[in-house]
């Protein structure tokens, strides 16, 4: 897995390599909004989630996303993961239902990935 932080951002060229190496056109990621971390490149969002939880992240701060480096504009960021299903926290879909949370995820990802 590739850890991305403000001090260790990722370039689009590397993101494209990660995509080609696993799924072809897409990279799975999990963000920790509180800690400002993005884990990339795993078969399952649950693997990334488990790693972040083991190091002290809180479940409520973790969101699964998919990145499509070759898609334009906002299309490149997809909010779709089984780990996002959290009815007890008000998120009843695989997406991210709260617009403010989606915006926070997009801002974090935008700051960590050099487009």
Foldseek 3Di string as FASTA:
>chain_A
DDKFALVRFAELVVVCVLCCVPPRFKKKWKAQLVVLMIDIRDPANVVVVVVVVVVPGDLVRIFIWMAGSPDDDPVRIFRAHPSQCDVVVPRHHRGPPDPVSVVSVVVSNVSRYHD
